[in-house]
Amino acid sequence: MSSSEAQETFKDVIEVPKVFIKDGFQFINRCKKPDQKEFMKITQAVAMGFAALGALGYIVKLIHIPINNILVGSA
């Protein structure tokens, strides 16, 4: 590996974090806080997701208990 190849590799290694940090700052600067209407929509979507997954887990548990009792028996 020649000296110029080593310098190129070193420049590439240094350039990647610089570009990442620059893109990160651009992203953060472009972001904004949600207004109350948008916040409520996000909150409702998250709540519906929690409720749906909770109901699904409850239904799976209700189905699993009798099947498990049949397979294992009352040992």
PDB file of N, CA and C in Angstrom:
ATOM      1  N   MET A   1       0.857  -1.165   0.000  1.00  0.00           N
ATOM      2  CA  MET A   1       0.000   0.000   0.000  1.00  0.00           C
ATOM      3  C   MET A   1       0.903   1.229   0.000  1.00  0.00           C
ATOM      4  N   SER A   2       0.709   2.073  -0.973  1.00  0.00           N
ATOM      5  CA  SER A   2       1.546   3.268  -1.067  1.00  0.00           C
ATOM      6  C   SER A   2       1.020   4.348  -0.130  1.00  0.00           C
ATOM      7  N   SER A   3       1.811   5.386  -0.022  1.00  0.00           N
ATOM      8  CA  SER A   3       1.458   6.488   0.876  1.00  0.00           C
ATOM      9  C   SER A   3       0.190   7.194   0.414  1.00  0.00           C
ATOM     10  N   SER A   4       0.037   7.360  -0.904  1.00  0.00           N
ATOM     11  CA  SER A   4      -1.147   8.051  -1.413  1.00  0.00           C
ATOM     12  C   SER A   4      -2.415   7.213  -1.172  1.00  0.00           C
ATOM     13  N   GLU A   5      -2.300   5.880  -1.284  1.00  0.00           N
ATOM     14  CA  GLU A   5      -3.448   5.021  -1.014  1.00  0.00           C
ATOM     15  C   GLU A   5      -3.830   5.083   0.463  1.00  0.00           C
ATOM     16  N   ALA A   6      -2.838   5.146   1.326  1.00  0.00           N
ATOM     17  CA  ALA A   6      -3.103   5.241   2.756  1.00  0.00           C
ATOM     18  C   ALA A   6      -3.794   6.561   3.086  1.00  0.00           C
ATOM     19  N   GLN A   7      -3.350   7.640   2.446  1.00  0.00           N
ATOM     20  CA  GLN A   7      -3.973   8.940   2.674  1.00  0.00           C
ATOM     21  C   GLN A   7      -5.417   8.943   2.185  1.00  0.00           C
ATOM     22  N   GLU A   8      -5.670   8.301   1.031  1.00  0.00           N
ATOM     23  CA  GLU A   8      -7.036   8.214   0.512  1.00  0.00           C
ATOM     24  C   GLU A   8      -7.927   7.447   1.479  1.00  0.00           C
ATOM     25  N   THR A   9      -7.421   6.334   1.985  1.00  0.00           N
ATOM     26  CA  THR A   9      -8.191   5.528   2.928  1.00  0.00           C
ATOM     27  C   THR A   9      -8.474   6.322   4.194  1.00  0.00           C
ATOM     28  N   PHE A  10      -7.463   7.028   4.690  1.00  0.00           N
ATOM     29  CA  PHE A  10      -7.640   7.837   5.891  1.00  0.00           C
ATOM     30  C   PHE A  10      -8.670   8.934   5.666  1.00  0.00           C
ATOM     31  N   LYS A  11      -8.624   9.582   4.498  1.00  0.00           N
ATOM     32  CA  LYS A  11      -9.599  10.622   4.179  1.00  0.00           C
ATOM     33  C   LYS A  11     -11.011  10.042   4.121  1.00  0.00           C
ATOM     34  N   ASP A  12     -11.149   8.840   3.549  1.00  0.00           N
ATOM     35  CA  ASP A  12     -12.462   8.202   3.487  1.00  0.00           C
ATOM     36  C   ASP A  12     -12.981   7.876   4.883  1.00  0.00           C
ATOM     37  N   VAL A  13     -12.089   7.406   5.756  1.00  0.00           N
ATOM     38  CA  VAL A  13     -12.490   7.060   7.118  1.00  0.00           C
ATOM     39  C   VAL A  13     -12.932   8.307   7.875  1.00  0.00           C
ATOM     40  N   ILE A  14     -12.286   9.416   7.657  1.00  0.00           N
ATOM     41  CA  ILE A  14     -12.631  10.668   8.335  1.00  0.00           C
ATOM     42  C   ILE A  14     -13.881  11.294   7.725  1.00  0.00           C
ATOM     43  N   GLU A  15     -14.087  11.120   6.423  1.00  0.00           N
ATOM     44  CA  GLU A  15     -15.187  11.784   5.723  1.00  0.00           C
ATOM     45  C   GLU A  15     -16.558  11.214   6.120  1.00  0.00           C
ATOM     46  N   VAL A  16     -16.636   9.915   6.347  1.00  0.00           N
ATOM     47  CA  VAL A  16     -17.919   9.282   6.634  1.00  0.00           C
ATOM     48  C   VAL A  16     -18.557   9.868   7.901  1.00  0.00           C
ATOM     49  N   PRO A  17     -17.860   9.959   9.034  1.00  0.00           N
ATOM     50  CA  PRO A  17     -18.515  10.564  10.211  1.00  0.00           C
ATOM     51  C   PRO A  17     -18.883  12.034  10.005  1.00  0.00           C
ATOM     52  N   LYS A  18     -18.057  12.772   9.252  1.00  0.00           N
ATOM     53  CA  LYS A  18     -18.370  14.185   8.989  1.00  0.00           C
ATOM     54  C   LYS A  18     -19.695  14.306   8.241  1.00  0.00           C
ATOM     55  N   VAL A  19     -19.864  13.489   7.211  1.00  0.00           N
ATOM     56  CA  VAL A  19     -21.100  13.529   6.419  1.00  0.00           C
ATOM     57  C   VAL A  19     -22.283  13.109   7.288  1.00  0.00           C
ATOM     58  N   PHE A  20     -22.081  12.090   8.123  1.00  0.00           N
ATOM     59  CA  PHE A  20     -23.157  11.617   9.002  1.00  0.00           C
ATOM     60  C   PHE A  20     -23.591  12.718   9.967  1.00  0.00           C
ATOM     61  N   ILE A  21     -22.635  13.395  10.577  1.00  0.00           N
ATOM     62  CA  ILE A  21     -22.951  14.461  11.532  1.00  0.00           C
ATOM     63  C   ILE A  21     -23.630  15.620  10.820  1.00  0.00           C
ATOM     64  N   LYS A  22     -23.144  15.972   9.633  1.00  0.00           N
ATOM     65  CA  LYS A  22     -23.755  17.062   8.863  1.00  0.00           C
ATOM     66  C   LYS A  22     -25.206  16.729   8.522  1.00  0.00           C
ATOM     67  N   ASP A  23     -25.449  15.510   8.051  1.00  0.00           N
ATOM     68  CA  ASP A  23     -26.819  15.094   7.723  1.00  0.00           C
ATOM     69  C   ASP A  23     -27.692  15.068   8.973  1.00  0.00           C
ATOM     70  N   GLY A  24     -27.133  14.659  10.099  1.00  0.00           N
ATOM     71  CA  GLY A  24     -27.880  14.637  11.346  1.00  0.00           C
ATOM     72  C   GLY A  24     -28.322  16.023  11.773  1.00  0.00           C
ATOM     73  N   PHE A  25     -27.409  16.991  11.690  1.00  0.00           N
ATOM     74  CA  PHE A  25     -27.764  18.370  12.038  1.00  0.00           C
ATOM     75  C   PHE A  25     -28.828  18.922  11.097  1.00  0.00           C
ATOM     76  N   GLN A  26     -28.737  18.607   9.799  1.00  0.00           N
ATOM     77  CA  GLN A  26     -29.752  19.064   8.859  1.00  0.00           C
ATOM     78  C   GLN A  26     -31.116  18.477   9.211  1.00  0.00           C
ATOM     79  N   PHE A  27     -31.138  17.208   9.588  1.00  0.00           N
ATOM     80  CA  PHE A  27     -32.390  16.547   9.959  1.00  0.00           C
ATOM     81  C   PHE A  27     -32.989  17.182  11.207  1.00  0.00           C
ATOM     82  N   ILE A  28     -32.168  17.404  12.232  1.00  0.00           N
ATOM     83  CA  ILE A  28     -32.652  17.991  13.485  1.00  0.00           C
ATOM     84  C   ILE A  28     -33.174  19.400  13.250  1.00  0.00           C
ATOM     85  N   ASN A  29     -32.477  20.171  12.442  1.00  0.00           N
ATOM     86  CA  ASN A  29     -32.909  21.549  12.170  1.00  0.00           C
ATOM     87  C   ASN A  29     -34.205  21.590  11.376  1.00  0.00           C
ATOM     88  N   ARG A  30     -34.470  20.576  10.579  1.00  0.00           N
ATOM     89  CA  ARG A  30     -35.684  20.543   9.772  1.00  0.00           C
ATOM     90  C   ARG A  30     -36.887  20.069  10.584  1.00  0.00           C
ATOM     91  N   CYS A  31     -36.642  19.367  11.679  1.00  0.00           N
ATOM     92  CA  CYS A  31     -37.735  18.840  12.501  1.00  0.00           C
ATOM     93  C   CYS A  31     -38.450  19.972  13.240  1.00  0.00           C
ATOM     94  N   LYS A  32     -39.702  19.721  13.570  1.00  0.00           N
ATOM     95  CA  LYS A  32     -40.469  20.697  14.335  1.00  0.00           C
ATOM     96  C   LYS A  32     -41.328  19.952  15.339  1.00  0.00           C
ATOM     97  N   LYS A  33     -41.743  20.655  16.368  1.00  0.00           N
ATOM     98  CA  LYS A  33     -42.624  20.054  17.355  1.00  0.00           C
ATOM     99  C   LYS A  33     -44.017  19.918  16.747  1.00  0.00           C
ATOM    100  N   PRO A  34     -44.713  18.822  17.048  1.00  0.00           N
ATOM    101  CA  PRO A  34     -46.069  18.691  16.514  1.00  0.00           C
ATOM    102  C   PRO A  34     -47.030  19.647  17.223  1.00  0.00           C
ATOM    103  N   ASP A  35     -48.014  20.126  16.471  1.00  0.00           N
ATOM    104  CA  ASP A  35     -49.035  20.951  17.113  1.00  0.00           C
ATOM    105  C   ASP A  35     -49.990  20.034  17.880  1.00  0.00           C
ATOM    106  N   GLN A  36     -50.947  20.611  18.571  1.00  0.00           N
ATOM    107  CA  GLN A  36     -51.808  19.821  19.454  1.00  0.00           C
ATOM    108  C   GLN A  36     -52.638  18.810  18.670  1.00  0.00           C
ATOM    109  N   LYS A  37     -53.123  19.188  17.481  1.00  0.00           N
ATOM    110  CA  LYS A  37     -53.936  18.278  16.677  1.00  0.00           C
ATOM    111  C   LYS A  37     -53.112  17.073  16.220  1.00  0.00           C
ATOM    112  N   GLU A  38     -51.905  17.345  15.740  1.00  0.00           N
ATOM    113  CA  GLU A  38     -51.036  16.260  15.296  1.00  0.00           C
ATOM    114  C   GLU A  38     -50.640  15.360  16.474  1.00  0.00           C
ATOM    115  N   PHE A  39     -50.368  15.959  17.617  1.00  0.00           N
ATOM    116  CA  PHE A  39     -50.013  15.198  18.812  1.00  0.00           C
ATOM    117  C   PHE A  39     -51.147  14.273  19.233  1.00  0.00           C
ATOM    118  N   MET A  40     -52.376  14.771  19.172  1.00  0.00           N
ATOM    119  CA  MET A  40     -53.529  13.951  19.550  1.00  0.00           C
ATOM    120  C   MET A  40     -53.718  12.784  18.575  1.00  0.00           C
ATOM    121  N   LYS A  41     -53.478  13.009  17.278  1.00  0.00           N
ATOM    122  CA  LYS A  41     -53.581  11.928  16.301  1.00  0.00           C
ATOM    123  C   LYS A  41     -52.547  10.838  16.592  1.00  0.00           C
ATOM    124  N   ILE A  42     -51.327  11.252  16.890  1.00  0.00           N
ATOM    125  CA  ILE A  42     -50.265  10.293  17.199  1.00  0.00           C
ATOM    126  C   ILE A  42     -50.617   9.529  18.474  1.00  0.00           C
ATOM    127  N   THR A  43     -51.100  10.250  19.484  1.00  0.00           N
ATOM    128  CA  THR A  43     -51.467   9.618  20.751  1.00  0.00           C
ATOM    129  C   THR A  43     -52.595   8.604  20.555  1.00  0.00           C
ATOM    130  N   GLN A  44     -53.596   8.952  19.764  1.00  0.00           N
ATOM    131  CA  GLN A  44     -54.700   8.031  19.501  1.00  0.00           C
ATOM    132  C   GLN A  44     -54.215   6.797  18.746  1.00  0.00           C
ATOM    133  N   ALA A  45     -53.326   6.990  17.770  1.00  0.00           N
ATOM    134  CA  ALA A  45     -52.806   5.854  17.006  1.00  0.00           C
ATOM    135  C   ALA A  45     -52.019   4.907  17.911  1.00  0.00           C
ATOM    136  N   VAL A  46     -51.209   5.465  18.804  1.00  0.00           N
ATOM    137  CA  VAL A  46     -50.438   4.638  19.733  1.00  0.00           C
ATOM    138  C   VAL A  46     -51.366   3.905  20.695  1.00  0.00           C
ATOM    139  N   ALA A  47     -52.383   4.593  21.193  1.00  0.00           N
ATOM    140  CA  ALA A  47     -53.332   3.964  22.114  1.00  0.00           C
ATOM    141  C   ALA A  47     -54.088   2.830  21.431  1.00  0.00           C
ATOM    142  N   MET A  48     -54.501   3.034  20.182  1.00  0.00           N
ATOM    143  CA  MET A  48     -55.192   1.971  19.454  1.00  0.00           C
ATOM    144  C   MET A  48     -54.257   0.783  19.234  1.00  0.00           C
ATOM    145  N   GLY A  49     -52.999   1.058  18.964  1.00  0.00           N
ATOM    146  CA  GLY A  49     -52.029  -0.026  18.800  1.00  0.00           C
ATOM    147  C   GLY A  49     -51.851  -0.818  20.078  1.00  0.00           C
ATOM    148  N   PHE A  50     -51.721  -0.113  21.207  1.00  0.00           N
ATOM    149  CA  PHE A  50     -51.608  -0.793  22.501  1.00  0.00           C
ATOM    150  C   PHE A  50     -52.846  -1.649  22.760  1.00  0.00           C
ATOM    151  N   ALA A  51     -54.015  -1.084  22.516  1.00  0.00           N
ATOM    152  CA  ALA A  51     -55.261  -1.814  22.766  1.00  0.00           C
ATOM    153  C   ALA A  51     -55.367  -3.041  21.855  1.00  0.00           C
ATOM    154  N   ALA A  52     -55.011  -2.880  20.580  1.00  0.00           N
ATOM    155  CA  ALA A  52     -55.098  -4.002  19.641  1.00  0.00           C
ATOM    156  C   ALA A  52     -54.139  -5.122  20.044  1.00  0.00           C
ATOM    157  N   LEU A  53     -52.910  -4.780  20.372  1.00  0.00           N
ATOM    158  CA  LEU A  53     -51.952  -5.807  20.775  1.00  0.00           C
ATOM    159  C   LEU A  53     -52.332  -6.432  22.103  1.00  0.00           C
ATOM    160  N   GLY A  54     -52.864  -5.648  23.021  1.00  0.00           N
ATOM    161  CA  GLY A  54     -53.318  -6.198  24.292  1.00  0.00           C
ATOM    162  C   GLY A  54     -54.469  -7.167  24.097  1.00  0.00           C
ATOM    163  N   ALA A  55     -55.426  -6.794  23.250  1.00  0.00           N
ATOM    164  CA  ALA A  55     -56.563  -7.678  22.968  1.00  0.00           C
ATOM    165  C   ALA A  55     -56.087  -8.948  22.275  1.00  0.00           C
ATOM    166  N   LEU A  56     -55.181  -8.820  21.344  1.00  0.00           N
ATOM    167  CA  LEU A  56     -54.641  -9.993  20.654  1.00  0.00           C
ATOM    168  C   LEU A  56     -53.935 -10.923  21.634  1.00  0.00           C
ATOM    169  N   GLY A  57     -53.135 -10.357  22.530  1.00  0.00           N
ATOM    170  CA  GLY A  57     -52.452 -11.165  23.537  1.00  0.00           C
ATOM    171  C   GLY A  57     -53.438 -11.856  24.460  1.00  0.00           C
ATOM    172  N   TYR A  58     -54.496 -11.167  24.840  1.00  0.00           N
ATOM    173  CA  TYR A  58     -55.522 -11.739  25.722  1.00  0.00           C
ATOM    174  C   TYR A  58     -56.230 -12.898  25.027  1.00  0.00           C
ATOM    175  N   ILE A  59     -56.576 -12.714  23.757  1.00  0.00           N
ATOM    176  CA  ILE A  59     -57.256 -13.770  22.996  1.00  0.00           C
ATOM    177  C   ILE A  59     -56.343 -14.985  22.839  1.00  0.00           C
ATOM    178  N   VAL A  60     -55.084 -14.749  22.527  1.00  0.00           N
ATOM    179  CA  VAL A  60     -54.141 -15.866  22.397  1.00  0.00           C
ATOM    180  C   VAL A  60     -54.016 -16.603  23.718  1.00  0.00           C
ATOM    181  N   LYS A  61     -53.948 -15.871  24.818  1.00  0.00           N
ATOM    182  CA  LYS A  61     -53.854 -16.507  26.136  1.00  0.00           C
ATOM    183  C   LYS A  61     -55.113 -17.303  26.439  1.00  0.00           C
ATOM    184  N   LEU A  62     -56.299 -16.758  26.107  1.00  0.00           N
ATOM    185  CA  LEU A  62     -57.549 -17.481  26.337  1.00  0.00           C
ATOM    186  C   LEU A  62     -57.600 -18.788  25.546  1.00  0.00           C
ATOM    187  N   ILE A  63     -57.072 -18.771  24.344  1.00  0.00           N
ATOM    188  CA  ILE A  63     -57.050 -19.975  23.521  1.00  0.00           C
ATOM    189  C   ILE A  63     -55.976 -20.936  24.011  1.00  0.00           C
ATOM    190  N   HIS A  64     -54.862 -20.415  24.454  1.00  0.00           N
ATOM    191  CA  HIS A  64     -53.730 -21.250  24.843  1.00  0.00           C
ATOM    192  C   HIS A  64     -54.001 -22.042  26.121  1.00  0.00           C
ATOM    193  N   ILE A  65     -54.667 -21.465  27.101  1.00  0.00           N
ATOM    194  CA  ILE A  65     -54.870 -22.135  28.394  1.00  0.00           C
ATOM    195  C   ILE A  65     -55.673 -23.432  28.241  1.00  0.00           C
ATOM    196  N   PRO A  66     -56.839 -23.445  27.574  1.00  0.00           N
ATOM    197  CA  PRO A  66     -57.557 -24.716  27.441  1.00  0.00           C
ATOM    198  C   PRO A  66     -56.802 -25.758  26.622  1.00  0.00           C
ATOM    199  N   ILE A  67     -56.155 -25.323  25.555  1.00  0.00           N
ATOM    200  CA  ILE A  67     -55.383 -26.264  24.729  1.00  0.00           C
ATOM    201  C   ILE A  67     -54.248 -26.855  25.547  1.00  0.00           C
ATOM    202  N   ASN A  68     -53.585 -26.044  26.329  1.00  0.00           N
ATOM    203  CA  ASN A  68     -52.484 -26.518  27.159  1.00  0.00           C
ATOM    204  C   ASN A  68     -52.995 -27.511  28.204  1.00  0.00           C
ATOM    205  N   ASN A  69     -54.156 -27.250  28.784  1.00  0.00           N
ATOM    206  CA  ASN A  69     -54.736 -28.169  29.774  1.00  0.00           C
ATOM    207  C   ASN A  69     -55.109 -29.507  29.138  1.00  0.00           C
ATOM    208  N   ILE A  70     -55.593 -29.469  27.891  1.00  0.00           N
ATOM    209  CA  ILE A  70     -55.938 -30.709  27.188  1.00  0.00           C
ATOM    210  C   ILE A  70     -54.680 -31.521  26.899  1.00  0.00           C
ATOM    211  N   LEU A  71     -53.641 -30.848  26.400  1.00  0.00           N
ATOM    212  CA  LEU A  71     -52.415 -31.554  26.027  1.00  0.00           C
ATOM    213  C   LEU A  71     -51.665 -32.071  27.247  1.00  0.00           C
ATOM    214  N   VAL A  72     -51.514 -31.244  28.260  1.00  0.00           N
ATOM    215  CA  VAL A  72     -50.728 -31.613  29.423  1.00  0.00           C
ATOM    216  C   VAL A  72     -51.574 -32.419  30.408  1.00  0.00           C
ATOM    217  N   GLY A  73     -52.821 -32.119  30.498  1.00  0.00           N
ATOM    218  CA  GLY A  73     -53.683 -32.791  31.449  1.00  0.00           C
ATOM    219  C   GLY A  73     -53.586 -32.126  32.807  1.00  0.00           C
ATOM    220  N   SER A  74     -54.262 -32.647  33.756  1.00  0.00           N
ATOM    221  CA  SER A  74     -54.243 -32.047  35.093  1.00  0.00           C
ATOM    222  C   SER A  74     -53.212 -32.766  35.962  1.00  0.00           C
ATOM    223  N   ALA A  75     -51.969 -32.719  35.547  1.00  0.00           N
ATOM    224  CA  ALA A  75     -50.888 -33.422  36.251  1.00  0.00           C
ATOM    225  C   ALA A  75     -50.406 -32.705  37.426  1.00  0.00           C
TER     226      ALA A  75
END
